[in-house]
Amino acid sequence: MQLMKFITRDTKDKNKILVWCTTNRLITFRDFMQYVLDNVKNPKDFMIIDTEKNLVYDMYKVATEMYGMRKRTFEERMNGVYTGKWAKYTNSDLNCGGK
């Protein structure tokens, strides 16, 4: 997987970008999108930058429309349930051979 950055604009200085997470691991990519959906007040403020292709994506649309993710219930969070297309994969499946 290519290197991805999760970013938002600084609320005080709109010319600044805040990088929340940088990853090239599928597990971290999935977990951070789920974290944002579960815990952040305005998940629509997040963007994903594909550093290889120099493209910017709307994280909320990627999570909800492409992967079918949603905010989890308290029980789902306690039980480690993932939403959308990720639900059928274990961490081992996404770890690409243990790398």
C-alpha atoms as a PDB file:
ATOM      1  CA  MET A   1       0.000   0.000   0.000  1.00  0.00           C
ATOM      2  CA  GLN A   2       1.237   3.497  -0.794  1.00  0.00           C
ATOM      3  CA  LEU A   3       1.829   6.139   1.875  1.00  0.00           C
ATOM      4  CA  MET A   4      -1.364   7.916   2.960  1.00  0.00           C
ATOM      5  CA  LYS A   5      -1.830  10.956   5.224  1.00  0.00           C
ATOM      6  CA  PHE A   6      -4.993  11.827   7.131  1.00  0.00           C
ATOM      7  CA  ILE A   7      -5.297  15.607   7.442  1.00  0.00           C
ATOM      8  CA  THR A   8      -7.612  18.444   8.492  1.00  0.00           C
ATOM      9  CA  ARG A   9      -7.341  22.207   8.265  1.00  0.00           C
ATOM     10  CA  ASP A  10      -6.339  24.049  11.409  1.00  0.00           C
ATOM     11  CA  THR A  11      -9.487  25.618  12.893  1.00  0.00           C
ATOM     12  CA  LYS A  12      -7.658  28.818  13.892  1.00  0.00           C
ATOM     13  CA  ASP A  13      -5.395  29.282  10.868  1.00  0.00           C
ATOM     14  CA  LYS A  14      -7.027  28.021   7.655  1.00  0.00           C
ATOM     15  CA  ASN A  15      -3.651  28.183   5.880  1.00  0.00           C
ATOM     16  CA  LYS A  16      -2.279  25.424   8.125  1.00  0.00           C
ATOM     17  CA  ILE A  17      -2.833  21.705   7.671  1.00  0.00           C
ATOM     18  CA  LEU A  18      -2.792  19.272  10.597  1.00  0.00           C
ATOM     19  CA  VAL A  19      -1.465  15.789   9.829  1.00  0.00           C
ATOM     20  CA  TRP A  20      -3.146  13.323  12.172  1.00  0.00           C
ATOM     21  CA  CYS A  21      -1.774  10.051  10.852  1.00  0.00           C
ATOM     22  CA  THR A  22       0.652   8.882   8.165  1.00  0.00           C
ATOM     23  CA  THR A  23       0.628   5.218   7.214  1.00  0.00           C
ATOM     24  CA  ASN A  24       1.278   2.646   4.530  1.00  0.00           C
ATOM     25  CA  ARG A  25      -0.320  -0.174   6.578  1.00  0.00           C
ATOM     26  CA  LEU A  26      -3.824  -1.336   5.693  1.00  0.00           C
ATOM     27  CA  ILE A  27      -4.683  -2.064   9.349  1.00  0.00           C
ATOM     28  CA  THR A  28      -3.798   1.486  10.413  1.00  0.00           C
ATOM     29  CA  PHE A  29      -5.715   2.897   7.415  1.00  0.00           C
ATOM     30  CA  ARG A  30      -8.845   0.978   8.462  1.00  0.00           C
ATOM     31  CA  ASP A  31      -8.433   1.671  12.194  1.00  0.00           C
ATOM     32  CA  PHE A  32      -7.919   5.401  11.772  1.00  0.00           C
ATOM     33  CA  MET A  33     -10.994   5.807   9.545  1.00  0.00           C
ATOM     34  CA  GLN A  34     -13.022   3.852  12.115  1.00  0.00           C
ATOM     35  CA  TYR A  35     -11.593   5.989  14.946  1.00  0.00           C
ATOM     36  CA  VAL A  36     -12.602   9.186  13.138  1.00  0.00           C
ATOM     37  CA  LEU A  37     -16.136   7.923  12.487  1.00  0.00           C
ATOM     38  CA  ASP A  38     -16.541   6.767  16.113  1.00  0.00           C
ATOM     39  CA  ASN A  39     -14.981   9.663  18.007  1.00  0.00           C
ATOM     40  CA  VAL A  40     -14.612  12.873  16.032  1.00  0.00           C
ATOM     41  CA  LYS A  41     -17.294  15.576  16.094  1.00  0.00           C
ATOM     42  CA  ASN A  42     -16.899  16.486  12.386  1.00  0.00           C
ATOM     43  CA  PRO A  43     -15.589  13.457  10.461  1.00  0.00           C
ATOM     44  CA  LYS A  44     -16.392  15.262   7.194  1.00  0.00           C
ATOM     45  CA  ASP A  45     -13.466  17.626   7.893  1.00  0.00           C
ATOM     46  CA  PHE A  46     -10.894  14.865   7.280  1.00  0.00           C
ATOM     47  CA  MET A  47      -9.095  14.311   3.994  1.00  0.00           C
ATOM     48  CA  ILE A  48      -6.743  11.588   2.808  1.00  0.00           C
ATOM     49  CA  ILE A  49      -3.652  12.455   0.763  1.00  0.00           C
ATOM     50  CA  ASP A  50      -2.168   9.778  -1.473  1.00  0.00           C
ATOM     51  CA  THR A  51       1.467  10.921  -1.390  1.00  0.00           C
ATOM     52  CA  GLU A  52       2.484   8.690  -4.305  1.00  0.00           C
ATOM     53  CA  LYS A  53      -0.117  10.022  -6.757  1.00  0.00           C
ATOM     54  CA  ASN A  54      -0.409  13.437  -5.094  1.00  0.00           C
ATOM     55  CA  LEU A  55      -4.215  13.158  -4.862  1.00  0.00           C
ATOM     56  CA  VAL A  56      -6.579  14.293  -2.116  1.00  0.00           C
ATOM     57  CA  TYR A  57      -9.714  12.340  -1.170  1.00  0.00           C
ATOM     58  CA  ASP A  58     -12.652  13.101   1.106  1.00  0.00           C
ATOM     59  CA  MET A  59     -12.071  10.631   3.978  1.00  0.00           C
ATOM     60  CA  TYR A  60     -15.731  10.569   5.000  1.00  0.00           C
ATOM     61  CA  LYS A  61     -16.825   9.578   1.480  1.00  0.00           C
ATOM     62  CA  VAL A  62     -14.086   6.955   1.186  1.00  0.00           C
ATOM     63  CA  ALA A  63     -15.080   5.436   4.538  1.00  0.00           C
ATOM     64  CA  THR A  64     -18.861   5.568   4.130  1.00  0.00           C
ATOM     65  CA  GLU A  65     -19.387   5.156   0.384  1.00  0.00           C
ATOM     66  CA  MET A  66     -16.436   3.057  -0.796  1.00  0.00           C
ATOM     67  CA  TYR A  67     -16.049   0.867   2.300  1.00  0.00           C
ATOM     68  CA  GLY A  68     -19.575   1.103   3.768  1.00  0.00           C
ATOM     69  CA  MET A  69     -18.287   2.094   7.219  1.00  0.00           C
ATOM     70  CA  ARG A  70     -20.391   3.788   9.894  1.00  0.00           C
ATOM     71  CA  LYS A  71     -20.139   4.962  13.493  1.00  0.00           C
ATOM     72  CA  ARG A  72     -20.138   1.924  15.779  1.00  0.00           C
ATOM     73  CA  THR A  73     -22.346   1.387  18.807  1.00  0.00           C
ATOM     74  CA  PHE A  74     -20.735   1.182  22.240  1.00  0.00           C
ATOM     75  CA  GLU A  75     -21.144  -2.622  22.235  1.00  0.00           C
ATOM     76  CA  GLU A  76     -19.510  -2.931  18.815  1.00  0.00           C
ATOM     77  CA  ARG A  77     -16.539  -0.869  19.991  1.00  0.00           C
ATOM     78  CA  MET A  78     -16.167  -2.987  23.140  1.00  0.00           C
ATOM     79  CA  ASN A  79     -16.279  -6.189  21.063  1.00  0.00           C
ATOM     80  CA  GLY A  80     -13.789  -4.938  18.455  1.00  0.00           C
ATOM     81  CA  VAL A  81     -16.318  -5.097  15.614  1.00  0.00           C
ATOM     82  CA  TYR A  82     -15.389  -3.348  12.364  1.00  0.00           C
ATOM     83  CA  THR A  83     -18.022  -1.945  10.026  1.00  0.00           C
ATOM     84  CA  GLY A  84     -18.568  -2.092   6.290  1.00  0.00           C
ATOM     85  CA  LYS A  85     -16.405  -4.165   3.976  1.00  0.00           C
ATOM     86  CA  TRP A  86     -13.744  -4.493   6.696  1.00  0.00           C
ATOM     87  CA  ALA A  87     -16.041  -6.674   8.851  1.00  0.00           C
ATOM     88  CA  LYS A  88     -15.080  -9.861   6.998  1.00  0.00           C
ATOM     89  CA  TYR A  89     -11.303  -9.388   7.428  1.00  0.00           C
ATOM     90  CA  THR A  90      -9.181 -10.162  10.468  1.00  0.00           C
ATOM     91  CA  ASN A  91      -6.000  -8.270  11.321  1.00  0.00           C
ATOM     92  CA  SER A  92      -4.060 -11.306  10.062  1.00  0.00           C
ATOM     93  CA  ASP A  93      -5.807 -11.051   6.688  1.00  0.00           C
ATOM     94  CA  LEU A  94      -4.793  -7.396   6.387  1.00  0.00           C
ATOM     95  CA  ASN A  95      -1.263  -7.834   7.695  1.00  0.00           C
ATOM     96  CA  CYS A  96      -0.025  -9.075   4.284  1.00  0.00           C
ATOM     97  CA  GLY A  97       1.915 -12.076   5.521  1.00  0.00           C
ATOM     98  CA  GLY A  98       3.055 -10.664   8.849  1.00  0.00           C
ATOM     99  CA  LYS A  99       5.160  -7.801   7.539  1.00  0.00           C
END
